[in-house]
N, C-alpha and C. Protein backbone atom coordinates (compact mmCIF):
# COMPACT_ATOMS: atom_id res chain seq x y z
N UNK A 1 -19.35 -7.88 -3.72
CA UNK A 1 -17.98 -8.26 -4.05
C UNK A 1 -17.98 -9.64 -4.69
N UNK A 2 -16.84 -10.04 -5.21
CA UNK A 2 -16.76 -11.35 -5.87
C UNK A 2 -16.91 -12.47 -4.86
N UNK A 3 -17.28 -13.63 -5.34
CA UNK A 3 -17.46 -14.79 -4.48
C UNK A 3 -16.12 -15.52 -4.36
N UNK A 4 -15.62 -15.61 -3.15
CA UNK A 4 -14.32 -16.25 -2.90
C UNK A 4 -14.51 -17.69 -2.46
N UNK A 5 -13.41 -18.44 -2.45
CA UNK A 5 -13.44 -19.81 -1.93
C UNK A 5 -13.89 -19.81 -0.48
N UNK A 6 -13.52 -18.78 0.25
CA UNK A 6 -13.91 -18.62 1.65
C UNK A 6 -15.43 -18.62 1.77
N UNK A 7 -16.10 -17.81 0.93
CA UNK A 7 -17.56 -17.75 0.97
C UNK A 7 -18.19 -19.05 0.49
N UNK A 8 -17.60 -19.66 -0.51
CA UNK A 8 -18.14 -20.93 -1.00
C UNK A 8 -18.08 -22.01 0.08
N UNK A 9 -17.04 -21.99 0.89
CA UNK A 9 -16.95 -22.94 1.99
C UNK A 9 -18.00 -22.63 3.04
N UNK A 10 -18.18 -21.37 3.37
CA UNK A 10 -19.20 -20.99 4.34
C UNK A 10 -20.61 -21.32 3.85
N UNK A 11 -20.80 -21.42 2.55
CA UNK A 11 -22.11 -21.74 2.00
C UNK A 11 -22.60 -23.11 2.46
N UNK A 12 -21.69 -23.96 2.91
CA UNK A 12 -22.10 -25.26 3.45
C UNK A 12 -22.80 -25.11 4.80
N UNK A 13 -22.65 -23.96 5.43
CA UNK A 13 -23.35 -23.66 6.67
C UNK A 13 -24.16 -22.39 6.40
N UNK A 14 -25.32 -22.58 5.82
CA UNK A 14 -26.14 -21.47 5.34
C UNK A 14 -26.48 -20.48 6.44
N UNK A 15 -26.75 -20.97 7.63
CA UNK A 15 -27.10 -20.06 8.74
C UNK A 15 -25.93 -19.13 9.07
N UNK A 16 -24.72 -19.67 9.11
CA UNK A 16 -23.54 -18.83 9.39
C UNK A 16 -23.32 -17.81 8.28
N UNK A 17 -23.44 -18.26 7.05
CA UNK A 17 -23.24 -17.36 5.91
C UNK A 17 -24.30 -16.26 5.91
N UNK A 18 -25.53 -16.61 6.26
CA UNK A 18 -26.61 -15.62 6.26
C UNK A 18 -26.36 -14.52 7.30
N UNK A 19 -25.65 -14.84 8.35
CA UNK A 19 -25.32 -13.85 9.37
C UNK A 19 -24.03 -13.11 9.01
N UNK A 20 -23.04 -13.84 8.49
CA UNK A 20 -21.73 -13.27 8.22
C UNK A 20 -21.75 -12.20 7.15
N UNK A 21 -22.43 -12.44 6.04
CA UNK A 21 -22.37 -11.49 4.92
C UNK A 21 -22.93 -10.12 5.26
N UNK A 22 -24.14 -10.03 5.83
CA UNK A 22 -24.63 -8.69 6.20
C UNK A 22 -23.76 -8.02 7.26
N UNK A 23 -23.22 -8.82 8.18
CA UNK A 23 -22.35 -8.26 9.21
C UNK A 23 -21.08 -7.69 8.58
N UNK A 24 -20.44 -8.46 7.70
CA UNK A 24 -19.25 -8.00 7.00
C UNK A 24 -19.55 -6.70 6.25
N UNK A 25 -20.64 -6.68 5.49
CA UNK A 25 -20.97 -5.49 4.70
C UNK A 25 -21.23 -4.28 5.58
N UNK A 26 -21.91 -4.48 6.71
CA UNK A 26 -22.18 -3.37 7.62
C UNK A 26 -20.89 -2.82 8.22
N UNK A 27 -20.00 -3.72 8.61
CA UNK A 27 -18.75 -3.28 9.25
C UNK A 27 -17.82 -2.60 8.24
N UNK A 28 -17.69 -3.15 7.07
CA UNK A 28 -16.68 -2.66 6.13
C UNK A 28 -17.19 -1.58 5.17
N UNK A 29 -18.51 -1.51 4.95
CA UNK A 29 -19.01 -0.60 3.90
C UNK A 29 -20.00 0.46 4.36
N UNK A 30 -20.52 0.38 5.56
CA UNK A 30 -21.50 1.39 5.98
C UNK A 30 -20.88 2.78 6.00
N UNK A 31 -21.68 3.79 5.67
CA UNK A 31 -21.15 5.17 5.69
C UNK A 31 -20.93 5.65 7.12
N UNK A 32 -20.15 6.68 7.25
CA UNK A 32 -19.86 7.24 8.56
C UNK A 32 -18.70 6.50 9.21
N UNK A 33 -18.20 7.05 10.29
CA UNK A 33 -17.10 6.42 11.00
C UNK A 33 -15.79 6.51 10.25
N UNK A 34 -14.96 5.49 10.43
CA UNK A 34 -13.65 5.48 9.76
C UNK A 34 -13.83 5.40 8.26
N UNK A 35 -12.83 5.86 7.56
CA UNK A 35 -12.84 5.73 6.10
C UNK A 35 -12.72 4.26 5.73
N UNK A 36 -13.08 3.94 4.50
CA UNK A 36 -12.93 2.56 4.01
C UNK A 36 -11.48 2.12 4.11
N UNK A 37 -10.56 2.99 3.74
CA UNK A 37 -9.14 2.64 3.78
C UNK A 37 -8.70 2.34 5.22
N UNK A 38 -9.18 3.12 6.18
CA UNK A 38 -8.81 2.88 7.57
C UNK A 38 -9.40 1.56 8.09
N UNK A 39 -10.59 1.22 7.65
CA UNK A 39 -11.17 -0.08 8.03
C UNK A 39 -10.31 -1.21 7.46
N UNK A 40 -9.84 -1.01 6.23
CA UNK A 40 -8.95 -2.02 5.62
C UNK A 40 -7.64 -2.12 6.39
N UNK A 41 -7.14 -0.99 6.90
CA UNK A 41 -5.92 -1.00 7.71
C UNK A 41 -6.14 -1.79 9.01
N UNK A 42 -7.32 -1.62 9.62
CA UNK A 42 -7.66 -2.42 10.81
C UNK A 42 -7.70 -3.90 10.48
N UNK A 43 -8.31 -4.25 9.35
CA UNK A 43 -8.36 -5.64 8.92
C UNK A 43 -6.96 -6.17 8.63
N UNK A 44 -6.13 -5.34 8.05
CA UNK A 44 -4.75 -5.73 7.74
C UNK A 44 -3.96 -5.98 9.02
N UNK A 45 -4.12 -5.10 10.01
CA UNK A 45 -3.42 -5.28 11.29
C UNK A 45 -3.77 -6.61 11.94
N UNK A 46 -5.06 -6.93 11.98
CA UNK A 46 -5.50 -8.20 12.55
C UNK A 46 -4.96 -9.37 11.73
N UNK A 47 -5.02 -9.26 10.42
CA UNK A 47 -4.59 -10.35 9.54
C UNK A 47 -3.09 -10.59 9.64
N UNK A 48 -2.31 -9.52 9.81
CA UNK A 48 -0.86 -9.69 9.93
C UNK A 48 -0.50 -10.39 11.23
N UNK A 49 -1.12 -9.99 12.32
CA UNK A 49 -0.79 -10.61 13.60
C UNK A 49 -1.23 -12.07 13.63
N UNK A 50 -2.29 -12.40 12.91
CA UNK A 50 -2.77 -13.78 12.86
C UNK A 50 -2.09 -14.59 11.76
N UNK A 51 -1.19 -13.95 11.03
CA UNK A 51 -0.43 -14.59 9.96
C UNK A 51 -1.34 -15.22 8.91
N UNK A 52 -2.42 -14.52 8.60
CA UNK A 52 -3.31 -14.97 7.53
C UNK A 52 -2.86 -14.26 6.25
N UNK A 53 -2.03 -14.93 5.50
CA UNK A 53 -1.42 -14.34 4.31
C UNK A 53 -2.47 -13.90 3.31
N UNK A 54 -3.46 -14.74 3.10
CA UNK A 54 -4.53 -14.43 2.14
C UNK A 54 -5.23 -13.12 2.53
N UNK A 55 -5.71 -13.04 3.77
CA UNK A 55 -6.44 -11.84 4.20
C UNK A 55 -5.54 -10.61 4.22
N UNK A 56 -4.30 -10.77 4.66
CA UNK A 56 -3.37 -9.63 4.68
C UNK A 56 -3.17 -9.09 3.27
N UNK A 57 -3.00 -9.99 2.31
CA UNK A 57 -2.80 -9.56 0.92
C UNK A 57 -4.04 -8.86 0.37
N UNK A 58 -5.20 -9.41 0.62
CA UNK A 58 -6.44 -8.83 0.11
C UNK A 58 -6.66 -7.44 0.69
N UNK A 59 -6.49 -7.30 2.00
CA UNK A 59 -6.79 -6.01 2.64
C UNK A 59 -5.69 -4.98 2.42
N UNK A 60 -4.47 -5.42 2.23
CA UNK A 60 -3.41 -4.48 1.83
C UNK A 60 -3.70 -3.93 0.44
N UNK A 61 -4.13 -4.81 -0.46
CA UNK A 61 -4.46 -4.39 -1.82
C UNK A 61 -5.62 -3.40 -1.82
N UNK A 62 -6.65 -3.70 -1.03
CA UNK A 62 -7.80 -2.79 -0.96
C UNK A 62 -7.40 -1.44 -0.37
N UNK A 63 -6.58 -1.47 0.69
CA UNK A 63 -6.12 -0.22 1.30
C UNK A 63 -5.36 0.61 0.27
N UNK A 64 -4.42 -0.02 -0.43
CA UNK A 64 -3.59 0.70 -1.40
C UNK A 64 -4.45 1.28 -2.53
N UNK A 65 -5.43 0.52 -3.00
CA UNK A 65 -6.30 1.02 -4.07
C UNK A 65 -7.17 2.17 -3.59
N UNK A 66 -7.70 2.07 -2.39
CA UNK A 66 -8.54 3.16 -1.86
C UNK A 66 -7.72 4.43 -1.63
N UNK A 67 -6.50 4.26 -1.16
CA UNK A 67 -5.62 5.42 -0.91
C UNK A 67 -4.90 5.89 -2.17
N UNK A 68 -4.93 5.04 -3.21
CA UNK A 68 -4.17 5.31 -4.44
C UNK A 68 -2.69 5.53 -4.11
N UNK A 69 -2.22 4.69 -3.17
CA UNK A 69 -0.85 4.81 -2.67
C UNK A 69 -0.49 3.51 -1.94
N UNK A 70 0.69 3.00 -2.21
CA UNK A 70 1.12 1.76 -1.55
C UNK A 70 2.12 1.99 -0.42
N UNK A 71 2.40 3.24 -0.09
CA UNK A 71 3.48 3.50 0.87
C UNK A 71 3.20 2.89 2.25
N UNK A 72 1.97 2.95 2.73
CA UNK A 72 1.64 2.39 4.05
C UNK A 72 1.79 0.88 4.02
N UNK A 73 1.18 0.23 3.05
CA UNK A 73 1.25 -1.23 3.00
C UNK A 73 2.66 -1.71 2.68
N UNK A 74 3.38 -1.00 1.83
CA UNK A 74 4.78 -1.36 1.56
C UNK A 74 5.60 -1.31 2.85
N UNK A 75 5.41 -0.25 3.63
CA UNK A 75 6.15 -0.10 4.89
C UNK A 75 5.80 -1.21 5.87
N UNK A 76 4.52 -1.55 5.95
CA UNK A 76 4.10 -2.60 6.87
C UNK A 76 4.67 -3.96 6.48
N UNK A 77 4.66 -4.27 5.20
CA UNK A 77 5.20 -5.55 4.77
C UNK A 77 6.72 -5.60 4.86
N UNK A 78 7.37 -4.46 4.72
CA UNK A 78 8.84 -4.42 4.80
C UNK A 78 9.34 -4.43 6.24
N UNK A 79 8.65 -3.68 7.13
CA UNK A 79 9.17 -3.50 8.49
C UNK A 79 8.23 -3.97 9.59
N UNK A 80 7.05 -4.45 9.24
CA UNK A 80 6.11 -4.94 10.26
C UNK A 80 5.76 -3.86 11.27
N UNK A 81 5.80 -4.24 12.53
CA UNK A 81 5.41 -3.31 13.59
C UNK A 81 6.33 -2.11 13.70
N UNK A 82 7.51 -2.18 13.09
CA UNK A 82 8.45 -1.06 13.14
C UNK A 82 8.30 -0.10 11.97
N UNK A 83 7.26 -0.31 11.15
CA UNK A 83 7.02 0.56 10.00
C UNK A 83 6.81 2.00 10.45
N UNK A 84 7.29 2.93 9.64
CA UNK A 84 7.12 4.35 9.91
C UNK A 84 5.75 4.78 9.39
N UNK A 85 4.80 4.98 10.31
CA UNK A 85 3.44 5.37 9.94
C UNK A 85 3.11 6.71 10.58
N UNK A 86 2.18 7.44 9.96
CA UNK A 86 1.74 8.68 10.60
C UNK A 86 1.00 8.31 11.89
N UNK A 87 0.82 9.27 12.81
CA UNK A 87 0.24 8.93 14.12
C UNK A 87 -1.14 8.26 14.06
N UNK A 88 -1.97 8.70 13.15
CA UNK A 88 -3.31 8.11 13.05
C UNK A 88 -3.23 6.65 12.56
N UNK A 89 -2.48 6.41 11.49
CA UNK A 89 -2.33 5.04 10.99
C UNK A 89 -1.64 4.15 12.02
N UNK A 90 -0.66 4.70 12.73
CA UNK A 90 0.03 3.94 13.78
C UNK A 90 -0.96 3.50 14.85
N UNK A 91 -1.81 4.42 15.30
CA UNK A 91 -2.79 4.09 16.35
C UNK A 91 -3.78 3.03 15.86
N UNK A 92 -4.25 3.17 14.63
CA UNK A 92 -5.19 2.19 14.07
C UNK A 92 -4.53 0.82 13.97
N UNK A 93 -3.34 0.78 13.39
CA UNK A 93 -2.65 -0.49 13.21
C UNK A 93 -2.32 -1.15 14.55
N UNK A 94 -1.79 -0.39 15.48
CA UNK A 94 -1.41 -0.95 16.78
C UNK A 94 -2.62 -1.47 17.54
N UNK A 95 -3.72 -0.72 17.53
CA UNK A 95 -4.91 -1.17 18.23
C UNK A 95 -5.48 -2.44 17.59
N UNK A 96 -5.52 -2.47 16.27
CA UNK A 96 -6.03 -3.66 15.56
C UNK A 96 -5.19 -4.88 15.89
N UNK A 97 -3.88 -4.72 15.90
CA UNK A 97 -2.99 -5.85 16.23
C UNK A 97 -3.23 -6.32 17.66
N UNK A 98 -3.23 -5.39 18.60
CA UNK A 98 -3.37 -5.79 20.00
C UNK A 98 -4.71 -6.44 20.26
N UNK A 99 -5.77 -5.89 19.72
CA UNK A 99 -7.08 -6.47 19.97
C UNK A 99 -7.26 -7.81 19.28
N UNK A 100 -6.54 -8.04 18.20
CA UNK A 100 -6.60 -9.35 17.53
C UNK A 100 -5.82 -10.41 18.31
N UNK A 101 -4.75 -10.01 18.97
CA UNK A 101 -3.95 -10.95 19.76
C UNK A 101 -4.72 -11.37 21.02
N UNK A 102 -5.19 -10.39 21.78
CA UNK A 102 -5.84 -10.68 23.06
C UNK A 102 -6.79 -9.54 23.40
N UNK A 103 -8.03 -9.61 22.94
CA UNK A 103 -8.97 -8.51 23.16
C UNK A 103 -9.11 -8.10 24.62
N UNK A 104 -9.04 -9.04 25.52
CA UNK A 104 -9.22 -8.73 26.94
C UNK A 104 -8.07 -7.90 27.50
N UNK A 105 -6.95 -7.84 26.77
CA UNK A 105 -5.81 -7.07 27.24
C UNK A 105 -5.82 -5.62 26.76
N UNK A 106 -6.81 -5.24 25.96
CA UNK A 106 -6.93 -3.84 25.56
C UNK A 106 -7.24 -3.02 26.81
N UNK A 107 -6.50 -1.96 26.99
CA UNK A 107 -6.58 -1.18 28.23
C UNK A 107 -7.10 0.23 27.95
N UNK A 108 -7.32 0.95 29.03
CA UNK A 108 -7.70 2.36 28.92
C UNK A 108 -6.63 3.13 28.16
N UNK A 109 -5.37 2.78 28.36
CA UNK A 109 -4.27 3.45 27.66
C UNK A 109 -4.36 3.22 26.15
N UNK A 110 -4.79 2.03 25.74
CA UNK A 110 -4.97 1.75 24.31
C UNK A 110 -6.08 2.62 23.73
N UNK A 111 -7.16 2.77 24.48
CA UNK A 111 -8.26 3.63 24.04
C UNK A 111 -7.81 5.09 24.01
N UNK A 112 -7.06 5.50 25.01
CA UNK A 112 -6.54 6.87 25.04
C UNK A 112 -5.65 7.13 23.83
N UNK A 113 -4.87 6.13 23.40
CA UNK A 113 -3.96 6.31 22.26
C UNK A 113 -4.74 6.54 20.97
N UNK A 114 -5.83 5.81 20.75
CA UNK A 114 -6.59 6.04 19.52
C UNK A 114 -7.35 7.37 19.57
N UNK A 115 -7.78 7.74 20.75
CA UNK A 115 -8.43 9.06 20.89
C UNK A 115 -7.41 10.18 20.64
N UNK A 116 -6.20 10.02 21.18
CA UNK A 116 -5.15 11.02 21.00
C UNK A 116 -4.77 11.16 19.53
N UNK A 117 -4.94 10.09 18.76
CA UNK A 117 -4.64 10.13 17.32
C UNK A 117 -5.77 10.77 16.53
N UNK A 118 -6.85 11.16 17.23
CA UNK A 118 -7.93 11.88 16.58
C UNK A 118 -9.15 11.06 16.20
N UNK A 119 -9.21 9.80 16.59
CA UNK A 119 -10.38 9.00 16.25
C UNK A 119 -11.56 9.38 17.14
N UNK A 120 -12.71 9.50 16.52
CA UNK A 120 -13.95 9.78 17.25
C UNK A 120 -14.48 8.48 17.84
N UNK A 121 -15.49 8.58 18.68
CA UNK A 121 -16.10 7.38 19.26
C UNK A 121 -16.66 6.47 18.16
N UNK A 122 -17.27 7.05 17.14
CA UNK A 122 -17.81 6.26 16.04
C UNK A 122 -16.68 5.55 15.27
N UNK A 123 -15.58 6.25 15.07
CA UNK A 123 -14.44 5.65 14.38
C UNK A 123 -13.80 4.54 15.22
N UNK A 124 -13.74 4.74 16.52
CA UNK A 124 -13.19 3.71 17.41
C UNK A 124 -14.06 2.46 17.34
N UNK A 125 -15.36 2.63 17.31
CA UNK A 125 -16.25 1.47 17.18
C UNK A 125 -15.98 0.74 15.86
N UNK A 126 -15.81 1.48 14.77
CA UNK A 126 -15.48 0.86 13.49
C UNK A 126 -14.16 0.10 13.56
N UNK A 127 -13.18 0.66 14.25
CA UNK A 127 -11.89 0.00 14.41
C UNK A 127 -12.03 -1.30 15.20
N UNK A 128 -12.77 -1.25 16.28
CA UNK A 128 -12.99 -2.45 17.08
C UNK A 128 -13.70 -3.51 16.24
N UNK A 129 -14.72 -3.11 15.51
CA UNK A 129 -15.48 -4.07 14.70
C UNK A 129 -14.67 -4.65 13.56
N UNK A 130 -13.91 -3.81 12.85
CA UNK A 130 -13.14 -4.33 11.70
C UNK A 130 -12.02 -5.25 12.16
N UNK A 131 -11.34 -4.90 13.23
CA UNK A 131 -10.27 -5.78 13.70
C UNK A 131 -10.84 -7.07 14.31
N UNK A 132 -11.96 -6.98 15.00
CA UNK A 132 -12.58 -8.19 15.57
C UNK A 132 -13.10 -9.11 14.48
N UNK A 133 -13.72 -8.54 13.46
CA UNK A 133 -14.23 -9.35 12.35
C UNK A 133 -13.10 -10.15 11.72
N UNK A 134 -11.96 -9.53 11.53
CA UNK A 134 -10.87 -10.24 10.87
C UNK A 134 -10.06 -11.11 11.82
N UNK A 135 -10.08 -10.83 13.10
CA UNK A 135 -9.49 -11.77 14.04
C UNK A 135 -10.24 -13.10 13.95
N UNK A 136 -11.56 -13.03 13.82
CA UNK A 136 -12.39 -14.24 13.65
C UNK A 136 -12.20 -14.85 12.26
N UNK A 137 -12.28 -14.04 11.23
CA UNK A 137 -12.20 -14.55 9.86
C UNK A 137 -10.84 -15.20 9.60
N UNK A 138 -9.76 -14.61 10.12
CA UNK A 138 -8.43 -15.20 9.94
C UNK A 138 -8.37 -16.59 10.53
N UNK A 139 -8.90 -16.74 11.71
CA UNK A 139 -8.88 -18.05 12.36
C UNK A 139 -9.67 -19.06 11.54
N UNK A 140 -10.78 -18.64 10.99
CA UNK A 140 -11.57 -19.53 10.16
C UNK A 140 -10.82 -19.88 8.88
N UNK A 141 -10.15 -18.91 8.28
CA UNK A 141 -9.37 -19.18 7.07
C UNK A 141 -8.29 -20.22 7.34
N UNK A 142 -7.65 -20.14 8.49
CA UNK A 142 -6.61 -21.12 8.82
C UNK A 142 -7.18 -22.53 8.88
N UNK A 143 -8.37 -22.67 9.43
CA UNK A 143 -9.01 -23.99 9.53
C UNK A 143 -9.44 -24.49 8.16
N UNK A 144 -9.87 -23.58 7.29
CA UNK A 144 -10.33 -23.97 5.96
C UNK A 144 -9.18 -24.42 5.08
N UNK A 145 -7.99 -23.97 5.38
CA UNK A 145 -6.83 -24.41 4.62
C UNK A 145 -6.30 -23.35 3.69
N UNK A 146 -5.30 -23.74 2.93
CA UNK A 146 -4.60 -22.86 2.00
C UNK A 146 -5.55 -22.37 0.93
N UNK A 147 -5.62 -21.05 0.69
CA UNK A 147 -6.54 -20.54 -0.33
C UNK A 147 -6.11 -20.85 -1.75
N UNK A 148 -4.88 -21.29 -1.94
CA UNK A 148 -4.39 -21.60 -3.27
C UNK A 148 -4.26 -23.11 -3.40
N UNK A 149 -5.03 -23.68 -4.29
CA UNK A 149 -4.98 -25.13 -4.50
C UNK A 149 -4.06 -25.44 -5.66
N UNK A 150 -3.31 -26.53 -5.55
CA UNK A 150 -2.40 -26.93 -6.64
C UNK A 150 -3.18 -27.63 -7.73
């Protein structure tokens, strides 16, 4: 992918960057598990709850391009948590949001909800990883500052 200001800042800590990039690629691009669009939805859920405008915009755009449809992201930006989503997208979005807010508060009921929406164990792992990755990345983006310089 293209080199962002985020990556250029991480380049000042080569050890962190050397770990982050392969981890990001494995979580977001490896075959199997959730679809790429669903991983982007998990990243979007975490980014929205953390109010990381940059990450939310990037992952909404990727989701819309992968799906060739903006209806999900349009609904999320217009209505937030009250957006009308199909059951599978609702479960993915809700779990990503909750785990980004307070991972320790994820309960058996939360896991049951994603299973009831049809996610396999492999897909659930992808959801946990994508939302956790962006819960961390969002926090780092906030510390790095505004992605748009005047």
